[in-house]
Amino acid sequence: MSNSTYILDEKLLASNGSRFINYILDIVIILVLIFFISLMIAFLANFMGWNDLLYWLGNLSDLEGQLVFVVISIFYYSLSEGLFGRSIGKFVTGTVVVDENGEKPSFGTIFKRTLCRLIPFDGFSFLGSRGWHDSISDTYVVNKKDLEKEVKLFHEFNLIGNTEVA
């Protein structure tokens, strides 16, 4: 068996169009999560008679709303990409987050990637090549099916000429 390691081919990178769809879908999911979490907290506060919490929920400042969005976003991306290598947007578009060897990144790498999303103007970094949250964390977003085919072909090619030991 060969000891060679697969190195990701940049032709597998997801298109900017797929990345944009991922972004829009994930923002919608995060907003829906915020809505349902707020609704659950409101029901609980109403049931428990916590009127101050209800008042606070109804009168969030813009800064508090942005902070809630950031916190929920960090949990959403860290958990979904940390557990599955994909957010819901990536499931829909058939893409996945991988490292340079085409494997699922560690949870620490995913968390670093998630925090890099908070860099101001990160979204504009895609006007170049890879976005900052990809390049800083050494991750890639690729088409999942194409990656699987490429990795399988790579390993099959490396088996050529190797004798099977029983």
N, C-alpha and C. Protein backbone atom coordinates (compact mmCIF):
# COMPACT_ATOMS: atom_id res chain seq x y z
N MET A 1 0.85 -1.18 0.00
CA MET A 1 0.00 0.00 0.00
C MET A 1 0.89 1.23 0.00
N SER A 2 0.47 2.23 -0.73
CA SER A 2 1.26 3.45 -0.86
C SER A 2 1.05 4.36 0.34
N ASN A 3 2.10 5.09 0.70
CA ASN A 3 2.03 6.04 1.81
C ASN A 3 1.77 7.46 1.32
N SER A 4 1.52 7.64 0.03
CA SER A 4 1.33 8.98 -0.48
C SER A 4 0.03 9.58 0.05
N THR A 5 0.06 10.90 0.16
CA THR A 5 -1.06 11.64 0.74
C THR A 5 -1.74 12.46 -0.35
N TYR A 6 -3.05 12.42 -0.35
CA TYR A 6 -3.82 13.21 -1.31
C TYR A 6 -3.69 14.69 -0.98
N ILE A 7 -3.44 15.50 -2.00
CA ILE A 7 -3.40 16.95 -1.87
C ILE A 7 -4.52 17.50 -2.75
N LEU A 8 -5.33 18.35 -2.18
CA LEU A 8 -6.51 18.89 -2.85
C LEU A 8 -6.14 19.63 -4.13
N ASP A 9 -6.87 19.33 -5.17
CA ASP A 9 -6.71 20.03 -6.45
C ASP A 9 -7.66 21.22 -6.44
N GLU A 10 -7.15 22.39 -6.74
CA GLU A 10 -7.95 23.61 -6.65
C GLU A 10 -9.10 23.64 -7.66
N LYS A 11 -9.10 22.74 -8.64
CA LYS A 11 -10.21 22.69 -9.59
C LYS A 11 -11.50 22.21 -8.90
N LEU A 12 -11.37 21.62 -7.71
CA LEU A 12 -12.53 21.14 -6.97
C LEU A 12 -13.22 22.23 -6.15
N LEU A 13 -12.60 23.40 -6.05
CA LEU A 13 -13.16 24.47 -5.23
C LEU A 13 -14.56 24.84 -5.70
N ALA A 14 -15.43 25.10 -4.74
CA ALA A 14 -16.79 25.51 -5.05
C ALA A 14 -16.77 26.88 -5.73
N SER A 15 -17.70 27.09 -6.61
CA SER A 15 -17.78 28.37 -7.32
C SER A 15 -18.23 29.48 -6.37
N ASN A 16 -17.94 30.72 -6.76
CA ASN A 16 -18.40 31.85 -5.96
C ASN A 16 -19.92 31.90 -5.89
N GLY A 17 -20.59 31.41 -6.93
CA GLY A 17 -22.05 31.35 -6.92
C GLY A 17 -22.56 30.40 -5.85
N SER A 18 -21.94 29.23 -5.74
CA SER A 18 -22.31 28.27 -4.69
C SER A 18 -22.02 28.84 -3.32
N ARG A 19 -20.88 29.51 -3.19
CA ARG A 19 -20.51 30.12 -1.91
C ARG A 19 -21.52 31.18 -1.51
N PHE A 20 -21.99 31.97 -2.48
CA PHE A 20 -22.97 33.02 -2.20
C PHE A 20 -24.30 32.41 -1.76
N ILE A 21 -24.72 31.34 -2.43
CA ILE A 21 -25.96 30.65 -2.05
C ILE A 21 -25.82 30.08 -0.64
N ASN A 22 -24.65 29.48 -0.34
CA ASN A 22 -24.39 28.98 1.02
C ASN A 22 -24.60 30.09 2.03
N TYR A 23 -24.01 31.24 1.74
CA TYR A 23 -24.07 32.39 2.65
C TYR A 23 -25.52 32.83 2.88
N ILE A 24 -26.27 33.00 1.81
CA ILE A 24 -27.66 33.46 1.94
C ILE A 24 -28.50 32.44 2.72
N LEU A 25 -28.38 31.16 2.37
CA LEU A 25 -29.15 30.13 3.07
C LEU A 25 -28.79 30.07 4.55
N ASP A 26 -27.50 30.18 4.86
CA ASP A 26 -27.07 30.11 6.25
C ASP A 26 -27.55 31.32 7.05
N ILE A 27 -27.56 32.50 6.44
CA ILE A 27 -28.08 33.69 7.12
C ILE A 27 -29.56 33.50 7.43
N VAL A 28 -30.32 32.97 6.48
CA VAL A 28 -31.75 32.73 6.70
C VAL A 28 -31.94 31.73 7.84
N ILE A 29 -31.15 30.66 7.85
CA ILE A 29 -31.23 29.65 8.92
C ILE A 29 -30.92 30.28 10.27
N ILE A 30 -29.88 31.11 10.33
CA ILE A 30 -29.51 31.77 11.58
C ILE A 30 -30.64 32.68 12.06
N LEU A 31 -31.25 33.41 11.16
CA LEU A 31 -32.37 34.29 11.54
C LEU A 31 -33.56 33.48 12.04
N VAL A 32 -33.82 32.34 11.40
CA VAL A 32 -34.90 31.45 11.86
C VAL A 32 -34.57 30.89 13.25
N LEU A 33 -33.32 30.50 13.46
CA LEU A 33 -32.89 30.03 14.79
C LEU A 33 -33.10 31.10 15.85
N ILE A 34 -32.70 32.33 15.54
CA ILE A 34 -32.87 33.43 16.49
C ILE A 34 -34.35 33.62 16.81
N PHE A 35 -35.20 33.55 15.79
CA PHE A 35 -36.64 33.71 15.99
C PHE A 35 -37.17 32.63 16.94
N PHE A 36 -36.83 31.36 16.66
CA PHE A 36 -37.35 30.28 17.49
C PHE A 36 -36.77 30.28 18.90
N ILE A 37 -35.50 30.62 19.04
CA ILE A 37 -34.91 30.72 20.38
C ILE A 37 -35.58 31.84 21.16
N SER A 38 -35.80 32.97 20.50
CA SER A 38 -36.48 34.10 21.16
C SER A 38 -37.90 33.72 21.56
N LEU A 39 -38.56 33.00 20.68
CA LEU A 39 -39.93 32.56 20.96
C LEU A 39 -39.97 31.63 22.18
N MET A 40 -39.01 30.69 22.24
CA MET A 40 -38.96 29.77 23.38
C MET A 40 -38.65 30.51 24.68
N ILE A 41 -37.72 31.46 24.61
CA ILE A 41 -37.40 32.25 25.81
C ILE A 41 -38.60 33.07 26.24
N ALA A 42 -39.32 33.64 25.27
CA ALA A 42 -40.51 34.44 25.60
C ALA A 42 -41.59 33.58 26.26
N PHE A 43 -41.81 32.39 25.72
CA PHE A 43 -42.81 31.49 26.33
C PHE A 43 -42.39 31.11 27.75
N LEU A 44 -41.12 30.77 27.93
CA LEU A 44 -40.62 30.41 29.25
C LEU A 44 -40.74 31.59 30.22
N ALA A 45 -40.34 32.77 29.76
CA ALA A 45 -40.41 33.97 30.62
C ALA A 45 -41.86 34.29 30.99
N ASN A 46 -42.76 34.13 30.05
CA ASN A 46 -44.17 34.38 30.32
C ASN A 46 -44.72 33.36 31.31
N PHE A 47 -44.36 32.10 31.12
CA PHE A 47 -44.82 31.03 32.01
C PHE A 47 -44.28 31.21 33.43
N MET A 48 -43.03 31.65 33.52
CA MET A 48 -42.38 31.80 34.82
C MET A 48 -42.64 33.18 35.45
N GLY A 49 -43.28 34.07 34.71
CA GLY A 49 -43.57 35.40 35.24
C GLY A 49 -42.37 36.33 35.27
N TRP A 50 -41.42 36.10 34.39
CA TRP A 50 -40.22 36.94 34.34
C TRP A 50 -40.48 38.12 33.40
N ASN A 51 -41.19 39.10 33.90
CA ASN A 51 -41.61 40.23 33.08
C ASN A 51 -40.43 41.09 32.62
N ASP A 52 -39.39 41.18 33.45
CA ASP A 52 -38.22 41.96 33.04
C ASP A 52 -37.55 41.36 31.82
N LEU A 53 -37.48 40.03 31.75
CA LEU A 53 -36.90 39.36 30.59
C LEU A 53 -37.75 39.59 29.35
N LEU A 54 -39.06 39.51 29.53
CA LEU A 54 -39.97 39.78 28.40
C LEU A 54 -39.79 41.21 27.90
N TYR A 55 -39.66 42.16 28.82
CA TYR A 55 -39.47 43.57 28.44
C TYR A 55 -38.15 43.73 27.68
N TRP A 56 -37.10 43.08 28.20
CA TRP A 56 -35.79 43.17 27.54
C TRP A 56 -35.85 42.59 26.13
N LEU A 57 -36.50 41.41 25.97
CA LEU A 57 -36.62 40.79 24.65
C LEU A 57 -37.35 41.71 23.67
N GLY A 58 -38.37 42.39 24.16
CA GLY A 58 -39.16 43.25 23.30
C GLY A 58 -38.49 44.57 22.97
N ASN A 59 -37.43 44.89 23.67
CA ASN A 59 -36.78 46.20 23.49
C ASN A 59 -35.27 46.08 23.29
N LEU A 60 -34.84 45.07 22.58
CA LEU A 60 -33.40 44.91 22.31
C LEU A 60 -32.88 46.10 21.50
N SER A 61 -31.72 46.59 21.88
CA SER A 61 -31.07 47.64 21.09
C SER A 61 -30.44 47.01 19.85
N ASP A 62 -30.03 47.84 18.91
CA ASP A 62 -29.36 47.33 17.72
C ASP A 62 -28.09 46.57 18.09
N LEU A 63 -27.33 47.12 19.03
CA LEU A 63 -26.09 46.47 19.45
C LEU A 63 -26.37 45.10 20.07
N GLU A 64 -27.40 45.03 20.92
CA GLU A 64 -27.75 43.74 21.54
C GLU A 64 -28.23 42.75 20.48
N GLY A 65 -28.99 43.23 19.51
CA GLY A 65 -29.44 42.36 18.42
C GLY A 65 -28.28 41.83 17.60
N GLN A 66 -27.30 42.68 17.34
CA GLN A 66 -26.12 42.24 16.58
C GLN A 66 -25.30 41.25 17.39
N LEU A 67 -25.21 41.48 18.69
CA LEU A 67 -24.48 40.55 19.56
C LEU A 67 -25.15 39.18 19.58
N VAL A 68 -26.47 39.16 19.66
CA VAL A 68 -27.22 37.90 19.61
C VAL A 68 -26.95 37.19 18.28
N PHE A 69 -26.97 37.95 17.19
CA PHE A 69 -26.71 37.37 15.87
C PHE A 69 -25.31 36.75 15.81
N VAL A 70 -24.31 37.46 16.33
CA VAL A 70 -22.94 36.96 16.31
C VAL A 70 -22.82 35.68 17.14
N VAL A 71 -23.39 35.67 18.33
CA VAL A 71 -23.30 34.50 19.21
C VAL A 71 -23.98 33.28 18.57
N ILE A 72 -25.18 33.48 18.03
CA ILE A 72 -25.90 32.37 17.40
C ILE A 72 -25.13 31.90 16.15
N SER A 73 -24.54 32.83 15.40
CA SER A 73 -23.76 32.46 14.21
C SER A 73 -22.55 31.60 14.60
N ILE A 74 -21.86 31.99 15.66
CA ILE A 74 -20.70 31.21 16.11
C ILE A 74 -21.12 29.79 16.48
N PHE A 75 -22.21 29.67 17.23
CA PHE A 75 -22.70 28.33 17.58
C PHE A 75 -23.12 27.55 16.35
N TYR A 76 -23.86 28.20 15.46
CA TYR A 76 -24.37 27.53 14.26
C TYR A 76 -23.24 26.98 13.41
N TYR A 77 -22.28 27.84 13.03
CA TYR A 77 -21.20 27.39 12.16
C TYR A 77 -20.27 26.40 12.86
N SER A 78 -19.96 26.66 14.13
CA SER A 78 -19.06 25.76 14.85
C SER A 78 -19.66 24.37 14.98
N LEU A 79 -20.93 24.31 15.35
CA LEU A 79 -21.56 23.00 15.52
C LEU A 79 -21.81 22.28 14.20
N SER A 80 -22.41 22.97 13.24
CA SER A 80 -22.74 22.28 11.99
C SER A 80 -21.49 21.87 11.21
N GLU A 81 -20.53 22.80 11.07
CA GLU A 81 -19.33 22.44 10.32
C GLU A 81 -18.39 21.58 11.16
N GLY A 82 -18.41 21.75 12.47
CA GLY A 82 -17.58 20.94 13.34
C GLY A 82 -18.04 19.49 13.39
N LEU A 83 -19.34 19.28 13.40
CA LEU A 83 -19.88 17.92 13.46
C LEU A 83 -19.97 17.25 12.09
N PHE A 84 -20.44 18.01 11.08
CA PHE A 84 -20.72 17.41 9.78
C PHE A 84 -19.79 17.88 8.67
N GLY A 85 -18.97 18.89 8.94
CA GLY A 85 -18.14 19.46 7.89
C GLY A 85 -18.94 20.33 6.93
N ARG A 86 -20.20 20.57 7.27
CA ARG A 86 -21.10 21.30 6.38
C ARG A 86 -22.13 22.06 7.19
N SER A 87 -22.49 23.21 6.71
CA SER A 87 -23.64 23.93 7.25
C SER A 87 -24.86 23.50 6.43
N ILE A 88 -26.03 23.97 6.78
CA ILE A 88 -27.24 23.60 6.03
C ILE A 88 -27.14 24.12 4.60
N GLY A 89 -26.60 25.32 4.43
CA GLY A 89 -26.40 25.86 3.09
C GLY A 89 -25.51 24.95 2.25
N LYS A 90 -24.47 24.41 2.86
CA LYS A 90 -23.56 23.52 2.14
C LYS A 90 -24.22 22.18 1.83
N PHE A 91 -25.10 21.71 2.70
CA PHE A 91 -25.86 20.49 2.39
C PHE A 91 -26.69 20.71 1.13
N VAL A 92 -27.35 21.86 1.05
CA VAL A 92 -28.22 22.16 -0.09
C VAL A 92 -27.42 22.25 -1.39
N THR A 93 -26.25 22.89 -1.35
CA THR A 93 -25.46 23.07 -2.58
C THR A 93 -24.51 21.92 -2.86
N GLY A 94 -24.43 20.94 -1.97
CA GLY A 94 -23.57 19.78 -2.20
C GLY A 94 -22.09 20.07 -2.01
N THR A 95 -21.80 21.04 -1.13
CA THR A 95 -20.41 21.37 -0.86
C THR A 95 -20.04 20.97 0.56
N VAL A 96 -18.73 20.96 0.84
CA VAL A 96 -18.24 20.53 2.14
C VAL A 96 -16.94 21.28 2.45
N VAL A 97 -16.67 21.48 3.73
CA VAL A 97 -15.43 22.11 4.18
C VAL A 97 -14.39 21.01 4.42
N VAL A 98 -13.20 21.17 3.83
CA VAL A 98 -12.14 20.19 4.00
C VAL A 98 -10.80 20.90 4.22
N ASP A 99 -9.81 20.11 4.62
CA ASP A 99 -8.45 20.63 4.72
C ASP A 99 -7.74 20.35 3.40
N GLU A 100 -6.44 20.63 3.34
CA GLU A 100 -5.71 20.47 2.08
C GLU A 100 -5.59 19.02 1.63
N ASN A 101 -5.86 18.07 2.52
CA ASN A 101 -5.82 16.65 2.17
C ASN A 101 -7.21 16.10 1.85
N GLY A 102 -8.19 16.99 1.75
CA GLY A 102 -9.54 16.56 1.42
C GLY A 102 -10.27 15.91 2.56
N GLU A 103 -9.79 16.10 3.79
CA GLU A 103 -10.41 15.49 4.96
C GLU A 103 -11.11 16.53 5.81
N LYS A 104 -11.99 16.05 6.66
CA LYS A 104 -12.72 16.95 7.56
C LYS A 104 -11.74 17.62 8.51
N PRO A 105 -11.78 18.95 8.60
CA PRO A 105 -10.87 19.65 9.51
C PRO A 105 -11.22 19.38 10.97
N SER A 106 -10.26 19.61 11.85
CA SER A 106 -10.49 19.44 13.28
C SER A 106 -11.48 20.49 13.78
N PHE A 107 -12.07 20.24 14.94
CA PHE A 107 -13.01 21.20 15.51
C PHE A 107 -12.31 22.53 15.78
N GLY A 108 -11.05 22.49 16.21
CA GLY A 108 -10.29 23.73 16.45
C GLY A 108 -10.14 24.55 15.18
N THR A 109 -9.87 23.88 14.07
CA THR A 109 -9.75 24.57 12.79
C THR A 109 -11.08 25.18 12.38
N ILE A 110 -12.16 24.43 12.58
CA ILE A 110 -13.49 24.94 12.25
C ILE A 110 -13.83 26.15 13.13
N PHE A 111 -13.47 26.09 14.41
CA PHE A 111 -13.74 27.22 15.30
C PHE A 111 -12.94 28.44 14.85
N LYS A 112 -11.69 28.23 14.45
CA LYS A 112 -10.87 29.33 13.95
C LYS A 112 -11.51 29.92 12.69
N ARG A 113 -11.98 29.05 11.81
CA ARG A 113 -12.66 29.48 10.58
C ARG A 113 -13.89 30.30 10.91
N THR A 114 -14.64 29.84 11.91
CA THR A 114 -15.86 30.54 12.32
C THR A 114 -15.53 31.93 12.88
N LEU A 115 -14.52 32.02 13.71
CA LEU A 115 -14.14 33.32 14.27
C LEU A 115 -13.64 34.27 13.18
N CYS A 116 -12.99 33.73 12.17
CA CYS A 116 -12.50 34.57 11.07
C CYS A 116 -13.64 35.18 10.27
N ARG A 117 -14.82 34.58 10.34
CA ARG A 117 -15.99 35.16 9.67
C ARG A 117 -16.36 36.52 10.27
N LEU A 118 -15.90 36.77 11.50
CA LEU A 118 -16.22 38.02 12.18
C LEU A 118 -15.32 39.17 11.74
N ILE A 119 -14.30 38.88 10.95
CA ILE A 119 -13.41 39.93 10.45
C ILE A 119 -14.24 40.87 9.57
N PRO A 120 -14.17 42.17 9.85
CA PRO A 120 -14.93 43.10 9.01
C PRO A 120 -14.56 42.95 7.53
N PHE A 121 -15.53 42.96 6.68
CA PHE A 121 -15.38 42.87 5.23
C PHE A 121 -14.90 41.49 4.76
N ASP A 122 -15.06 40.46 5.59
CA ASP A 122 -14.67 39.11 5.19
C ASP A 122 -15.39 38.72 3.90
N GLY A 123 -16.65 39.10 3.77
CA GLY A 123 -17.41 38.76 2.57
C GLY A 123 -16.80 39.32 1.30
N PHE A 124 -16.18 40.49 1.40
CA PHE A 124 -15.55 41.09 0.23
C PHE A 124 -14.24 40.39 -0.14
N SER A 125 -13.69 39.62 0.78
CA SER A 125 -12.42 38.93 0.49
C SER A 125 -12.59 37.89 -0.61
N PHE A 126 -13.83 37.51 -0.93
CA PHE A 126 -14.08 36.54 -1.99
C PHE A 126 -13.98 37.16 -3.37
N LEU A 127 -13.85 38.48 -3.43
CA LEU A 127 -13.67 39.12 -4.73
C LEU A 127 -12.30 38.79 -5.30
N GLY A 128 -11.37 38.41 -4.43
CA GLY A 128 -10.05 37.95 -4.88
C GLY A 128 -10.17 36.48 -5.24
N SER A 129 -9.53 35.63 -4.47
CA SER A 129 -9.64 34.20 -4.73
C SER A 129 -10.41 33.55 -3.58
N ARG A 130 -9.69 32.97 -2.63
CA ARG A 130 -10.34 32.36 -1.47
C ARG A 130 -10.62 33.44 -0.43
N GLY A 131 -11.69 33.26 0.30
CA GLY A 131 -12.02 34.20 1.36
C GLY A 131 -11.07 34.09 2.53
N TRP A 132 -11.05 35.13 3.35
CA TRP A 132 -10.15 35.15 4.50
C TRP A 132 -10.43 34.02 5.47
N HIS A 133 -11.74 33.72 5.71
CA HIS A 133 -12.01 32.66 6.68
C HIS A 133 -11.59 31.29 6.15
N ASP A 134 -11.37 31.17 4.86
CA ASP A 134 -10.80 29.94 4.28
C ASP A 134 -9.27 29.97 4.36
N SER A 135 -8.68 31.04 3.87
CA SER A 135 -7.22 31.08 3.78
C SER A 135 -6.55 31.13 5.15
N ILE A 136 -7.12 31.87 6.09
CA ILE A 136 -6.51 31.97 7.43
C ILE A 136 -6.59 30.63 8.16
N SER A 137 -7.69 29.92 7.98
CA SER A 137 -7.88 28.63 8.67
C SER A 137 -7.36 27.44 7.86
N ASP A 138 -6.81 27.70 6.68
CA ASP A 138 -6.32 26.63 5.79
C ASP A 138 -7.41 25.60 5.49
N THR A 139 -8.59 26.09 5.16
CA THR A 139 -9.69 25.22 4.77
C THR A 139 -10.14 25.55 3.36
N TYR A 140 -10.90 24.65 2.79
CA TYR A 140 -11.40 24.81 1.43
C TYR A 140 -12.86 24.36 1.40
N VAL A 141 -13.66 24.99 0.56
CA VAL A 141 -15.02 24.53 0.32
C VAL A 141 -15.05 23.96 -1.08
N VAL A 142 -15.41 22.68 -1.16
CA VAL A 142 -15.36 21.96 -2.44
C VAL A 142 -16.68 21.23 -2.67
N ASN A 143 -16.88 20.82 -3.93
CA ASN A 143 -18.03 19.99 -4.26
C ASN A 143 -17.79 18.60 -3.68
N LYS A 144 -18.70 18.12 -2.86
CA LYS A 144 -18.51 16.87 -2.13
C LYS A 144 -18.39 15.65 -3.07
N LYS A 145 -19.27 15.54 -4.05
CA LYS A 145 -19.23 14.39 -4.95
C LYS A 145 -17.96 14.37 -5.78
N ASP A 146 -17.55 15.52 -6.29
CA ASP A 146 -16.32 15.59 -7.08
C ASP A 146 -15.11 15.22 -6.23
N LEU A 147 -15.09 15.68 -4.97
CA LEU A 147 -13.99 15.35 -4.07
C LEU A 147 -13.93 13.84 -3.83
N GLU A 148 -15.08 13.23 -3.56
CA GLU A 148 -15.11 11.79 -3.31
C GLU A 148 -14.58 11.00 -4.51
N LYS A 149 -14.98 11.40 -5.73
CA LYS A 149 -14.49 10.74 -6.94
C LYS A 149 -12.98 10.91 -7.07
N GLU A 150 -12.52 12.13 -6.85
CA GLU A 150 -11.09 12.44 -7.00
C GLU A 150 -10.24 11.65 -5.99
N VAL A 151 -10.69 11.58 -4.74
CA VAL A 151 -9.94 10.86 -3.71
C VAL A 151 -9.93 9.36 -4.01
N LYS A 152 -11.07 8.83 -4.44
CA LYS A 152 -11.14 7.41 -4.78
C LYS A 152 -10.20 7.09 -5.94
N LEU A 153 -10.22 7.94 -6.96
CA LEU A 153 -9.33 7.75 -8.11
C LEU A 153 -7.86 7.83 -7.68
N PHE A 154 -7.54 8.76 -6.81
CA PHE A 154 -6.18 8.93 -6.31
C PHE A 154 -5.70 7.65 -5.62
N HIS A 155 -6.54 7.10 -4.74
CA HIS A 155 -6.14 5.90 -4.00
C HIS A 155 -6.08 4.67 -4.90
N GLU A 156 -6.99 4.58 -5.86
CA GLU A 156 -6.94 3.45 -6.80
C GLU A 156 -5.69 3.53 -7.66
N PHE A 157 -5.33 4.73 -8.10
CA PHE A 157 -4.12 4.91 -8.90
C PHE A 157 -2.88 4.50 -8.12
N ASN A 158 -2.87 4.81 -6.82
CA ASN A 158 -1.71 4.46 -5.99
C ASN A 158 -1.59 2.96 -5.74
N LEU A 159 -2.68 2.22 -5.96
CA LEU A 159 -2.64 0.78 -5.78
C LEU A 159 -2.06 0.05 -6.99
N ILE A 160 -1.97 0.75 -8.13
CA ILE A 160 -1.44 0.12 -9.34
C ILE A 160 0.01 -0.31 -9.09
N GLY A 161 0.28 -1.56 -9.37
CA GLY A 161 1.64 -2.08 -9.24
C GLY A 161 1.95 -2.62 -7.86
N ASN A 162 1.09 -2.41 -6.89
CA ASN A 162 1.30 -2.96 -5.56
C ASN A 162 0.74 -4.36 -5.51
N THR A 163 1.48 -5.27 -4.95
CA THR A 163 1.00 -6.64 -4.84
C THR A 163 0.19 -6.78 -3.56
N GLU A 164 -0.86 -7.55 -3.67
CA GLU A 164 -1.75 -7.76 -2.51
C GLU A 164 -1.16 -8.84 -1.62
N VAL A 165 -1.07 -8.52 -0.34
CA VAL A 165 -0.55 -9.47 0.63
C VAL A 165 -1.73 -10.13 1.33
N ALA A 166 -1.75 -11.48 1.30
CA ALA A 166 -2.87 -12.21 1.90
C ALA A 166 -2.73 -12.37 3.37
